[in-house]
Amino acid sequence: MLDYLIIGAGPAGLQLAALLERDGRRDYLVLESAAAPGAFFTRFPRHRRLISINKPHTGSDDPELNLRLDWNSLLSDDPALRFTRYTERYFPHADVMVRYLADFAAATGVRVRYGSRVTRVSRAPDGGFAVSDQTGTVHRARRVVVATGVSQPYVPPIPGVEHAELYTEMSVDPRDFVDQRVLVIGKGNSAFETADNLMETTTLIHVAGPGPVRMAWRTHYVGHLRAVNNNFLDTYQLKSANAILDGHVREIARDADGYRVVFSFSRADEVTKELRYDRVLLCTGFRFDASIFDDDCRPALTIDDRFPAQTAEWESVSVPNLFFAGTLSQERDFKRSTSGFIHGFRYGVRALHHILERRYHDEPWPAEKLDADAEPIADAIIERVNRSSGLWQQFGVLADVVTVAGANARYHEEVPVEYATRIGLATADHPVEHAFFVTLEYGPEHDRVDPFDISVRRVVQDAVGQAHAAAYLHPVVRHHRDGRVVAVHHLTENLENRWNRPDVHRAPLVAFLDRCLDGAVG
């Protein structure tokens, strides 16, 4: 029986397998339905341009710092396995990702069985799992990690939605839409990449959905509409035939002349209007496919049944020893951080690996020992926040945690905040008295701030007393005692994201840590 069976050889499955392989945990297997890794990227995005940035020219030779601007690499100590070596394009072609993942799998020696499509997951009599593939082979494992991504289209419950063409199947040739009136349902990147692709050949395009268009540059959630896909907004606001419809599609009906779509407008007191189109395209995202699971181990779902519900350890809330990695892990920070994307979940997978090591193999979370004094702790924090890519990419989700027991301190990197809060990092030889959680975060109402409106008062970088009001990304240190937060310190934001000025950043942090360690707070 295997210790771990990983379903899916996409980026998350390969990342976890590479970590297991590196650490000598070779009692695992990855099952992949396709003949090569990264099969998702052979089809998606449909228009073949990734929106994950790639920047080889950073002016720095620090590999950790460079990962802040490299959203496609998996984590590895091998400099040859950096995606930035494959192309200089800022938004690369998806085929480059396919090639990169194949090279990563080969170089790391991960154990993948290709052409093994999982058809059934059931409970084994011994409490483990029995996983069957299309050949009838049954693989037995103590734990299963699902890294398949959200592989099925999400179809909203609209009467007549079966008449719409799915994003996964529709034509991407603009010539197939010449002189047609097109409705695109959805307001995310897939909807707008589709609209942008069709603008030159269609008569008009309407993009519709009940919620507002949310811009990534404002919300800081990279899954919201990216600037690279928003040319369509100009054609609407400059009265160039196209439009964005805010409201609900109530019904889609087909007749001899095309499609009749009943629409209720949100901004007009739910005024209902019937509009006519030649094509209706459904670009409403994806969902998790739970059909392979038997009833006795089918995970509970959440968020419109699009994702498996998960604990702070990325374990199913209803099926013990069933874990999730990669895009599926975004259920924990849905539309708040970056777990839905490689540059976020690569760190989540590494954290999951530490969780599995700790839970099943009695390995403590890796930590560096420090003296339990304010100055060395402050120096360690300052060093990390100025170069960490994990805290930078997984803002508010992962934390560096400094634990203090007597005269000894330990510095733990990239621990999930909720995991550290609920389960803690204490060991038999290190009973925790104080814990300092270090995160990078935006301000609590950052998505309401227009960063291009100069009339809005911004926090001056030297105004230490106003650091807590910063809307932009900045370090936050929280002091935990007895399972609760007793004090919070914000490091002042900085234009160049360098939080190392002796007077502005270090001295106030040392003073805060001193007060906490002396018992002056909490």
Protein backbone atom coordinates (compact mmCIF):
# COMPACT_ATOMS: atom_id res chain seq x y z
CA MET A 1 0.00 0.00 0.00
CA LEU A 2 1.28 3.44 -0.96
CA ASP A 3 1.70 6.21 1.59
CA TYR A 4 0.45 8.77 -0.93
CA LEU A 5 -1.45 8.56 -4.19
CA ILE A 6 -1.57 11.84 -6.09
CA ILE A 7 -4.25 12.25 -8.75
CA GLY A 8 -3.12 14.61 -11.50
CA ALA A 9 0.29 15.52 -12.95
CA GLY A 10 -0.34 19.20 -13.39
CA PRO A 11 1.77 21.84 -11.62
CA ALA A 12 0.47 20.98 -8.12
CA GLY A 13 0.82 17.22 -8.48
CA LEU A 14 4.34 17.59 -9.85
CA GLN A 15 5.28 20.05 -7.11
CA LEU A 16 4.18 17.72 -4.31
CA ALA A 17 5.76 14.69 -5.96
CA ALA A 18 9.07 16.56 -6.39
CA LEU A 19 9.08 17.46 -2.68
CA LEU A 20 8.34 13.86 -1.67
CA GLU A 21 11.05 12.62 -4.02
CA ARG A 22 13.60 15.12 -2.74
CA ASP A 23 13.00 14.12 0.87
CA GLY A 24 13.17 10.40 0.23
CA ARG A 25 9.43 9.73 0.67
CA ARG A 26 9.31 7.48 -2.35
CA ASP A 27 6.28 5.43 -1.35
CA TYR A 28 4.01 7.50 -3.57
CA LEU A 29 2.64 7.49 -7.11
CA VAL A 30 1.11 10.11 -9.38
CA LEU A 31 -1.68 9.00 -11.72
CA GLU A 32 -2.19 11.11 -14.84
CA SER A 33 -4.85 10.47 -17.47
CA ALA A 34 -2.90 12.09 -20.31
CA ALA A 35 0.29 10.90 -21.98
CA ALA A 36 2.33 13.81 -20.55
CA PRO A 37 2.16 16.26 -17.65
CA GLY A 38 0.29 19.56 -17.74
CA ALA A 39 -2.49 18.40 -20.07
CA PHE A 40 -4.75 21.27 -18.96
CA PHE A 41 -2.41 23.74 -20.66
CA THR A 42 -2.70 21.97 -23.99
CA ARG A 43 -6.28 23.29 -24.15
CA PHE A 44 -6.50 26.28 -21.82
CA PRO A 45 -6.62 29.15 -21.92
CA ARG A 46 -8.47 28.76 -25.20
CA HIS A 47 -6.75 31.77 -26.75
CA ARG A 48 -3.36 30.43 -25.60
CA ARG A 49 -1.97 33.47 -23.77
CA LEU A 50 -1.20 32.98 -20.09
CA ILE A 51 -1.98 35.86 -17.75
CA SER A 52 0.61 34.71 -15.22
CA ILE A 53 3.54 37.08 -15.54
CA ASN A 54 7.05 36.09 -16.51
CA LYS A 55 9.90 38.54 -15.92
CA PRO A 56 13.47 37.31 -16.44
CA HIS A 57 15.00 40.80 -16.21
CA THR A 58 14.59 41.92 -12.60
CA GLY A 59 17.94 43.55 -11.86
CA SER A 60 18.50 40.99 -9.09
CA ASP A 61 20.39 37.71 -8.89
CA ASP A 62 18.52 36.63 -5.75
CA PRO A 63 16.46 33.58 -6.80
CA GLU A 64 14.07 33.99 -3.88
CA LEU A 65 13.36 37.63 -4.63
CA ASN A 66 13.00 36.91 -8.35
CA LEU A 67 10.15 34.49 -7.68
CA ARG A 68 8.04 37.53 -6.81
CA LEU A 69 8.01 38.36 -10.53
CA ASP A 70 8.03 34.79 -11.81
CA TRP A 71 4.51 33.40 -11.57
CA ASN A 72 5.06 30.20 -13.50
CA SER A 73 8.05 28.37 -12.00
CA LEU A 74 7.62 25.48 -9.62
CA LEU A 75 9.80 25.44 -6.51
CA SER A 76 13.16 23.77 -6.96
CA ASP A 77 16.78 24.28 -5.97
CA ASP A 78 17.81 23.66 -9.59
CA PRO A 79 18.31 27.02 -11.36
CA ALA A 80 17.70 25.28 -14.69
CA LEU A 81 14.10 24.69 -13.61
CA ARG A 82 13.10 28.33 -13.72
CA PHE A 83 10.36 29.16 -16.19
CA THR A 84 12.12 32.46 -16.93
CA ARG A 85 14.77 30.50 -18.84
CA TYR A 86 12.17 29.33 -21.35
CA THR A 87 10.86 32.63 -22.72
CA GLU A 88 11.14 36.38 -22.29
CA ARG A 89 7.47 37.00 -23.05
CA TYR A 90 5.74 38.77 -20.16
CA PHE A 91 2.52 36.86 -20.87
CA PRO A 92 3.81 33.57 -22.30
CA HIS A 93 2.16 31.20 -24.72
CA ALA A 94 0.53 28.23 -23.00
CA ASP A 95 2.60 25.78 -25.03
CA VAL A 96 5.69 26.99 -23.17
CA MET A 97 4.10 25.85 -19.92
CA VAL A 98 3.48 22.39 -21.39
CA ARG A 99 7.16 22.10 -22.32
CA TYR A 100 8.32 23.43 -18.96
CA LEU A 101 6.23 20.95 -16.96
CA ALA A 102 7.52 18.04 -19.04
CA ASP A 103 11.10 19.13 -18.34
CA PHE A 104 10.36 19.59 -14.63
CA ALA A 105 8.92 16.08 -14.38
CA ALA A 106 11.93 14.58 -16.16
CA ALA A 107 14.54 16.52 -14.18
CA THR A 108 13.05 15.79 -10.76
CA GLY A 109 12.48 12.11 -11.45
CA VAL A 110 8.95 12.13 -10.10
CA ARG A 111 7.06 8.85 -10.21
CA VAL A 112 4.18 9.36 -12.62
CA ARG A 113 2.08 6.73 -14.37
CA TYR A 114 0.75 8.35 -17.54
CA GLY A 115 -2.31 7.16 -19.41
CA SER A 116 -3.95 6.21 -16.10
CA ARG A 117 -7.34 7.89 -15.93
CA VAL A 118 -8.90 7.49 -12.50
CA THR A 119 -12.44 6.13 -12.80
CA ARG A 120 -13.28 5.37 -9.18
CA VAL A 121 -12.13 6.26 -5.67
CA SER A 122 -13.54 4.16 -2.84
CA ARG A 123 -12.76 3.29 0.75
CA ALA A 124 -10.65 0.19 1.30
CA PRO A 125 -11.55 -2.25 4.10
CA ASP A 126 -8.42 -1.24 6.03
CA GLY A 127 -9.51 2.41 6.09
CA GLY A 128 -7.31 3.54 3.23
CA PHE A 129 -8.38 4.14 -0.36
CA ALA A 130 -8.79 1.96 -3.42
CA VAL A 131 -8.27 3.97 -6.61
CA SER A 132 -9.17 2.33 -9.93
CA ASP A 133 -8.06 3.46 -13.36
CA GLN A 134 -9.56 2.82 -16.80
CA THR A 135 -7.56 -0.41 -17.23
CA GLY A 136 -9.11 -1.92 -14.10
CA THR A 137 -5.90 -1.61 -12.12
CA VAL A 138 -6.57 -0.86 -8.44
CA HIS A 139 -4.07 1.27 -6.54
CA ARG A 140 -4.23 1.19 -2.75
CA ALA A 141 -3.06 4.09 -0.63
CA ARG A 142 -3.27 5.33 2.93
CA ARG A 143 -3.80 8.89 1.72
CA VAL A 144 -5.00 10.46 -1.50
CA VAL A 145 -4.10 13.95 -2.69
CA VAL A 146 -6.34 15.28 -5.45
CA ALA A 147 -4.52 17.73 -7.74
CA THR A 148 -6.82 17.62 -10.75
CA GLY A 149 -7.81 21.27 -10.69
CA VAL A 150 -11.30 22.46 -11.53
CA SER A 151 -11.75 20.35 -14.61
CA GLN A 152 -15.44 20.75 -15.47
CA PRO A 153 -17.24 23.85 -16.76
CA TYR A 154 -19.40 25.58 -14.19
CA VAL A 155 -22.88 25.87 -15.70
CA PRO A 156 -25.17 28.30 -13.85
CA PRO A 157 -28.81 27.27 -13.33
CA ILE A 158 -30.35 29.33 -16.14
CA PRO A 159 -33.44 27.93 -17.93
CA GLY A 160 -32.35 27.07 -21.47
CA VAL A 161 -28.63 27.25 -20.66
CA GLU A 162 -28.15 24.07 -22.67
CA HIS A 163 -28.48 26.23 -25.79
CA ALA A 164 -25.32 28.13 -24.94
CA GLU A 165 -21.90 27.14 -26.26
CA LEU A 166 -19.41 26.30 -23.51
CA TYR A 167 -16.05 28.08 -23.26
CA THR A 168 -14.44 24.64 -23.34
CA GLU A 169 -15.97 23.78 -26.72
CA MET A 170 -16.73 27.02 -28.59
CA SER A 171 -14.84 28.09 -31.69
CA VAL A 172 -11.96 30.50 -31.18
CA ASP A 173 -11.77 31.46 -34.86
CA PRO A 174 -13.15 35.01 -35.24
CA ARG A 175 -14.18 34.23 -38.82
CA ASP A 176 -16.84 31.89 -37.45
CA PHE A 177 -18.62 34.91 -35.94
CA VAL A 178 -18.68 37.33 -38.89
CA ASP A 179 -21.65 39.76 -38.73
CA GLN A 180 -23.14 37.99 -35.73
CA ARG A 181 -24.69 39.37 -32.55
CA VAL A 182 -22.99 37.56 -29.66
CA LEU A 183 -23.85 37.32 -25.98
CA VAL A 184 -21.01 36.30 -23.65
CA ILE A 185 -22.24 35.23 -20.21
CA GLY A 186 -19.62 35.80 -17.53
CA LYS A 187 -17.48 38.71 -16.37
CA GLY A 188 -14.13 37.08 -15.69
CA ASN A 189 -10.99 36.78 -17.77
CA SER A 190 -12.32 33.94 -19.94
CA ALA A 191 -15.33 36.08 -20.89
CA PHE A 192 -13.29 39.14 -21.75
CA GLU A 193 -10.51 37.24 -23.53
CA THR A 194 -13.30 35.76 -25.68
CA ALA A 195 -14.88 39.17 -26.33
CA ASP A 196 -11.52 40.71 -27.22
CA ASN A 197 -10.90 37.91 -29.69
CA LEU A 198 -14.20 38.49 -31.49
CA MET A 199 -14.41 42.29 -31.62
CA GLU A 200 -13.12 42.63 -35.19
CA THR A 201 -15.64 40.32 -36.85
CA THR A 202 -18.90 40.54 -34.88
CA THR A 203 -21.76 42.98 -35.33
CA LEU A 204 -21.93 43.50 -31.59
CA ILE A 205 -20.99 41.76 -28.38
CA HIS A 206 -22.75 41.97 -25.03
CA VAL A 207 -20.94 40.71 -21.93
CA ALA A 208 -23.41 39.91 -19.16
CA GLY A 209 -23.45 38.90 -15.52
CA PRO A 210 -25.13 39.78 -12.23
CA GLY A 211 -22.06 41.14 -10.47
CA PRO A 212 -19.91 44.16 -11.29
CA VAL A 213 -16.76 43.94 -13.39
CA ARG A 214 -13.98 43.75 -10.84
CA MET A 215 -10.55 44.92 -11.92
CA ALA A 216 -7.52 43.02 -10.63
CA TRP A 217 -5.46 46.20 -10.34
CA ARG A 218 -7.97 47.45 -7.77
CA THR A 219 -8.90 44.30 -5.84
CA HIS A 220 -5.39 42.76 -5.94
CA TYR A 221 -7.02 39.42 -6.79
CA VAL A 222 -5.34 38.29 -10.00
CA GLY A 223 -8.36 36.21 -11.03
CA HIS A 224 -10.42 39.35 -11.51
CA LEU A 225 -10.28 41.10 -14.87
CA ARG A 226 -6.70 41.75 -15.91
CA ALA A 227 -5.66 44.75 -17.97
CA VAL A 228 -4.34 42.46 -20.71
CA ASN A 229 -7.93 41.32 -21.36
CA ASN A 230 -9.85 44.57 -20.93
CA ASN A 231 -9.73 46.23 -24.37
CA PHE A 232 -13.44 45.47 -24.60
CA LEU A 233 -14.16 48.07 -21.91
CA ASP A 234 -13.06 50.84 -24.28
CA THR A 235 -15.47 49.68 -26.97
CA TYR A 236 -18.34 49.94 -24.50
CA GLN A 237 -17.50 53.24 -22.88
CA LEU A 238 -16.61 54.88 -26.22
CA LYS A 239 -19.94 53.80 -27.77
CA SER A 240 -18.47 51.34 -30.26
CA ALA A 241 -21.41 48.92 -30.59
CA ASN A 242 -20.55 46.69 -27.65
CA ALA A 243 -21.98 46.72 -24.13
CA ILE A 244 -21.71 45.28 -20.65
CA LEU A 245 -25.03 44.20 -19.16
CA ASP A 246 -25.38 44.22 -15.38
CA GLY A 247 -28.04 41.82 -14.24
CA HIS A 248 -29.38 38.27 -14.46
CA VAL A 249 -29.98 36.16 -17.54
CA ARG A 250 -33.42 34.75 -16.77
CA GLU A 251 -33.95 32.49 -19.78
CA ILE A 252 -32.39 31.43 -23.06
CA ALA A 253 -34.71 30.19 -25.82
CA ARG A 254 -33.91 29.14 -29.36
CA ASP A 255 -36.02 29.83 -32.44
CA ALA A 256 -35.53 29.94 -36.19
CA ASP A 257 -33.86 33.35 -36.04
CA GLY A 258 -31.36 32.58 -33.31
CA TYR A 259 -31.71 33.04 -29.56
CA ARG A 260 -34.13 35.02 -27.42
CA VAL A 261 -32.58 35.93 -24.09
CA VAL A 262 -34.64 37.36 -21.24
CA PHE A 263 -32.57 39.70 -19.13
CA SER A 264 -33.32 41.61 -15.93
CA PHE A 265 -31.20 44.71 -15.37
CA SER A 266 -29.77 45.34 -11.92
CA ARG A 267 -29.42 49.10 -12.35
CA ALA A 268 -32.95 49.68 -13.63
CA ASP A 269 -35.08 48.31 -10.79
CA GLU A 270 -35.00 44.82 -12.30
CA VAL A 271 -36.47 45.97 -15.61
CA THR A 272 -36.86 42.88 -17.80
CA LYS A 273 -36.06 42.98 -21.49
CA GLU A 274 -35.85 40.39 -24.26
CA LEU A 275 -32.75 40.62 -26.43
CA ARG A 276 -31.87 38.65 -29.56
CA TYR A 277 -28.52 37.07 -30.48
CA ASP A 278 -27.03 34.78 -33.09
CA ARG A 279 -24.73 33.06 -30.58
CA VAL A 280 -24.66 32.68 -26.79
CA LEU A 281 -21.30 31.79 -25.24
CA LEU A 282 -20.97 30.58 -21.65
CA CYS A 283 -17.74 31.72 -19.96
CA THR A 284 -18.59 31.23 -16.29
CA GLY A 285 -15.56 29.38 -15.00
CA PHE A 286 -14.90 25.84 -13.84
CA ARG A 287 -15.78 23.47 -11.03
CA PHE A 288 -14.42 20.38 -9.30
CA ASP A 289 -15.50 16.99 -10.68
CA ALA A 290 -16.53 14.72 -7.78
CA SER A 291 -18.05 12.01 -9.97
CA ILE A 292 -15.17 9.56 -9.47
CA PHE A 293 -15.82 9.24 -5.72
CA ASP A 294 -18.00 6.54 -4.22
CA ASP A 295 -20.65 7.66 -1.76
CA ASP A 296 -18.57 6.46 1.18
CA CYS A 297 -15.75 8.89 0.36
CA ARG A 298 -17.30 11.64 -1.74
CA PRO A 299 -16.06 14.96 -0.35
CA ALA A 300 -18.50 17.62 0.76
CA LEU A 301 -18.66 20.56 -1.64
CA THR A 302 -19.00 24.30 -1.12
CA ILE A 303 -19.15 27.63 -3.04
CA ASP A 304 -22.03 26.63 -5.35
CA ASP A 305 -20.66 23.05 -5.28
CA ARG A 306 -17.64 24.21 -7.24
CA PHE A 307 -14.94 23.23 -4.71
CA PRO A 308 -14.37 20.56 -2.07
CA ALA A 309 -14.80 21.94 1.45
CA GLN A 310 -11.44 21.79 3.26
CA THR A 311 -9.89 22.10 6.70
CA ALA A 312 -6.91 24.27 7.60
CA GLU A 313 -4.74 21.31 6.49
CA TRP A 314 -6.34 21.18 3.01
CA GLU A 315 -8.04 17.95 4.05
CA SER A 316 -11.64 17.16 3.17
CA VAL A 317 -13.98 18.21 5.98
CA SER A 318 -15.93 14.97 5.49
CA VAL A 319 -13.36 12.39 4.33
CA PRO A 320 -10.28 11.86 6.55
CA ASN A 321 -6.92 11.46 4.75
CA LEU A 322 -8.29 12.93 1.52
CA PHE A 323 -6.31 16.08 0.69
CA PHE A 324 -6.39 18.69 -2.06
CA ALA A 325 -3.57 20.60 -3.74
CA GLY A 326 -3.25 23.25 -6.38
CA THR A 327 -6.17 25.20 -7.80
CA LEU A 328 -8.59 23.23 -5.62
CA SER A 329 -6.95 24.67 -2.50
CA GLN A 330 -8.33 28.14 -3.31
CA GLU A 331 -11.47 27.20 -1.38
CA ARG A 332 -9.54 28.34 1.69
CA ASP A 333 -8.96 31.90 0.38
CA PHE A 334 -11.47 32.16 -2.46
CA LYS A 335 -11.01 35.44 -4.34
CA ARG A 336 -8.92 36.84 -1.47
CA SER A 337 -5.40 35.64 -2.30
CA THR A 338 -3.57 33.53 -4.89
CA SER A 339 -4.15 29.83 -4.12
CA GLY A 340 -5.94 29.39 -7.44
CA PHE A 341 -2.77 30.10 -9.40
CA ILE A 342 0.70 28.56 -9.70
CA HIS A 343 2.47 31.51 -8.08
CA GLY A 344 0.29 31.01 -5.01
CA PHE A 345 -0.34 27.30 -4.69
CA ARG A 346 3.27 26.29 -5.22
CA TYR A 347 3.85 27.59 -1.67
CA GLY A 348 0.63 26.02 -0.46
CA VAL A 349 1.82 22.66 -1.76
CA ARG A 350 5.12 23.09 0.07
CA ALA A 351 3.20 23.91 3.24
CA LEU A 352 1.00 20.85 2.70
CA HIS A 353 4.15 18.75 2.43
CA HIS A 354 5.34 20.07 5.81
CA ILE A 355 1.90 19.34 7.27
CA LEU A 356 2.01 15.74 6.01
CA GLU A 357 5.55 15.30 7.31
CA ARG A 358 4.55 16.57 10.72
CA ARG A 359 1.29 14.63 10.95
CA TYR A 360 2.34 11.26 9.60
CA HIS A 361 6.12 11.12 9.98
CA ASP A 362 6.73 13.01 13.26
CA GLU A 363 8.86 15.64 11.54
CA PRO A 364 8.61 19.11 13.13
CA TRP A 365 8.03 22.15 10.97
CA PRO A 366 11.48 23.31 9.77
CA ALA A 367 12.73 26.16 11.94
CA GLU A 368 15.82 28.26 12.58
CA LYS A 369 16.83 28.81 16.19
CA LEU A 370 17.18 32.35 17.53
CA ASP A 371 17.81 34.05 20.83
CA ALA A 372 14.51 35.14 22.33
CA ASP A 373 15.40 38.84 22.29
CA ALA A 374 13.71 41.63 20.40
CA GLU A 375 16.68 42.62 18.25
CA PRO A 376 17.57 39.22 16.68
CA ILE A 377 13.89 38.47 16.15
CA ALA A 378 13.36 41.86 14.51
CA ASP A 379 16.39 41.36 12.27
CA ALA A 380 15.11 37.96 11.15
CA ILE A 381 11.69 39.41 10.38
CA ILE A 382 13.16 42.37 8.47
CA GLU A 383 15.35 40.08 6.38
CA ARG A 384 12.47 37.81 5.47
CA VAL A 385 9.84 40.41 4.57
CA ASN A 386 12.36 42.08 2.26
CA ARG A 387 13.01 39.00 0.13
CA SER A 388 10.42 36.28 0.82
CA SER A 389 8.44 35.26 -2.25
CA GLY A 390 6.05 33.00 -0.33
CA LEU A 391 4.75 35.75 1.97
CA TRP A 392 4.64 38.11 -1.00
CA GLN A 393 2.58 35.81 -3.22
CA GLN A 394 0.37 34.25 -0.52
CA PHE A 395 -0.47 37.51 1.20
CA GLY A 396 -2.58 37.05 4.30
CA VAL A 397 -2.62 33.25 3.86
CA LEU A 398 0.91 32.20 4.81
CA ALA A 399 2.84 33.57 7.76
CA ASP A 400 6.33 33.28 9.12
CA VAL A 401 5.83 32.33 12.77
CA VAL A 402 8.37 33.10 15.48
CA THR A 403 7.71 31.02 18.60
CA VAL A 404 9.30 31.81 21.95
CA ALA A 405 9.86 29.45 24.87
CA GLY A 406 12.00 30.86 27.66
CA ALA A 407 15.29 32.10 26.25
CA ASN A 408 14.83 30.25 22.98
CA ALA A 409 13.03 31.30 19.83
CA ARG A 410 12.36 29.45 16.59
CA TYR A 411 11.63 30.98 13.20
CA HIS A 412 9.19 28.92 11.06
CA GLU A 413 8.70 29.98 7.45
CA GLU A 414 5.49 30.01 5.40
CA VAL A 415 3.01 28.39 7.76
CA PRO A 416 -0.70 28.65 6.86
CA VAL A 417 -2.14 31.25 9.22
CA GLU A 418 -5.20 29.23 10.17
CA TYR A 419 -3.19 26.04 10.63
CA ALA A 420 -0.73 27.78 12.96
CA THR A 421 -3.60 29.38 14.85
CA ARG A 422 -5.63 26.21 15.32
CA ILE A 423 -2.95 23.56 15.66
CA GLY A 424 0.10 25.52 16.71
CA LEU A 425 3.80 24.76 16.36
CA ALA A 426 4.72 23.69 19.87
CA THR A 427 6.89 20.61 20.36
CA ALA A 428 7.80 18.63 23.46
CA ASP A 429 11.08 20.51 23.83
CA HIS A 430 9.65 23.89 22.82
CA PRO A 431 6.41 24.77 24.67
CA VAL A 432 5.30 28.03 23.13
CA GLU A 433 4.80 31.06 25.38
CA HIS A 434 4.72 33.75 22.67
CA ALA A 435 4.08 33.49 18.93
CA PHE A 436 4.62 36.29 16.43
CA PHE A 437 2.81 35.85 13.10
CA VAL A 438 4.46 37.78 10.26
CA THR A 439 2.40 38.33 7.11
CA LEU A 440 2.32 40.64 4.14
CA GLU A 441 -1.15 42.14 3.74
CA TYR A 442 -3.13 44.83 2.02
CA GLY A 443 -5.27 47.15 4.11
CA PRO A 444 -8.73 45.94 5.18
CA GLU A 445 -10.52 48.13 2.59
CA HIS A 446 -7.83 48.11 -0.08
CA ASP A 447 -10.28 47.11 -2.82
CA ARG A 448 -12.26 50.33 -2.24
CA VAL A 449 -9.27 52.53 -2.92
CA ASP A 450 -8.67 53.76 -6.45
CA PRO A 451 -4.86 53.76 -6.66
CA PHE A 452 -4.97 56.15 -9.62
CA ASP A 453 -7.06 58.80 -7.89
CA ILE A 454 -4.51 61.31 -6.60
CA SER A 455 -7.20 63.17 -4.68
CA VAL A 456 -7.40 60.27 -2.23
CA ARG A 457 -5.07 60.75 0.72
CA ARG A 458 -2.31 58.17 0.78
CA VAL A 459 -0.30 57.22 3.85
CA VAL A 460 3.10 58.89 3.68
CA GLN A 461 5.81 56.24 3.90
CA ASP A 462 7.52 57.99 6.80
CA ALA A 463 4.34 58.42 8.85
CA VAL A 464 4.95 55.58 11.27
CA GLY A 465 1.89 56.42 13.33
CA GLN A 466 -0.34 55.86 10.31
CA ALA A 467 1.13 52.52 9.21
CA HIS A 468 -2.02 50.65 10.25
CA ALA A 469 -4.03 52.68 7.73
CA ALA A 470 -1.94 51.62 4.73
CA ALA A 471 -4.00 50.23 1.86
CA TYR A 472 -1.01 48.87 -0.06
CA LEU A 473 0.94 45.69 0.71
CA HIS A 474 2.99 45.92 3.89
CA PRO A 475 4.22 43.65 6.72
CA VAL A 476 1.99 43.00 9.72
CA VAL A 477 3.23 41.35 12.93
CA ARG A 478 0.66 39.87 15.32
CA HIS A 479 1.52 38.79 18.86
CA HIS A 480 -0.35 35.63 19.94
CA ARG A 481 -0.64 34.46 23.54
CA ASP A 482 -2.88 31.73 24.90
CA GLY A 483 -4.49 31.21 21.53
CA ARG A 484 -5.50 34.82 20.89
CA VAL A 485 -4.07 37.94 19.27
CA VAL A 486 -3.06 40.42 21.96
CA ALA A 487 -1.17 43.05 19.94
CA VAL A 488 -0.63 44.06 16.30
CA HIS A 489 2.17 46.05 14.66
CA HIS A 490 2.15 47.36 11.07
CA LEU A 491 5.37 48.22 9.27
CA THR A 492 4.98 51.37 7.20
CA GLU A 493 4.40 50.78 3.49
CA ASN A 494 7.19 51.63 1.10
CA LEU A 495 7.19 52.46 -2.61
CA GLU A 496 9.99 49.99 -3.38
CA ASN A 497 8.76 47.36 -0.91
CA ARG A 498 11.90 47.73 1.19
CA TRP A 499 11.01 47.64 4.85
CA ASN A 500 14.50 48.06 6.32
CA ARG A 501 14.97 51.68 7.32
CA PRO A 502 16.47 51.80 10.83
CA ASP A 503 14.26 54.63 12.05
CA VAL A 504 11.03 53.91 10.18
CA HIS A 505 10.89 50.11 10.20
CA ARG A 506 13.42 48.43 12.48
CA ALA A 507 13.30 50.61 15.58
CA PRO A 508 9.49 50.59 15.94
CA LEU A 509 9.47 46.81 15.41
CA VAL A 510 12.14 46.25 18.08
CA ALA A 511 10.17 48.40 20.50
CA PHE A 512 6.98 46.44 19.79
CA LEU A 513 8.69 43.08 20.29
CA ASP A 514 10.30 44.33 23.50
CA ARG A 515 6.93 45.33 24.93
CA CYS A 516 5.42 41.97 23.99
CA LEU A 517 8.27 39.89 25.42
CA ASP A 518 8.29 41.95 28.62
CA GLY A 519 4.58 41.34 29.13
CA ALA A 520 3.67 44.98 28.68
CA VAL A 521 0.89 43.98 26.25
CA GLY A 522 -1.63 41.15 26.47
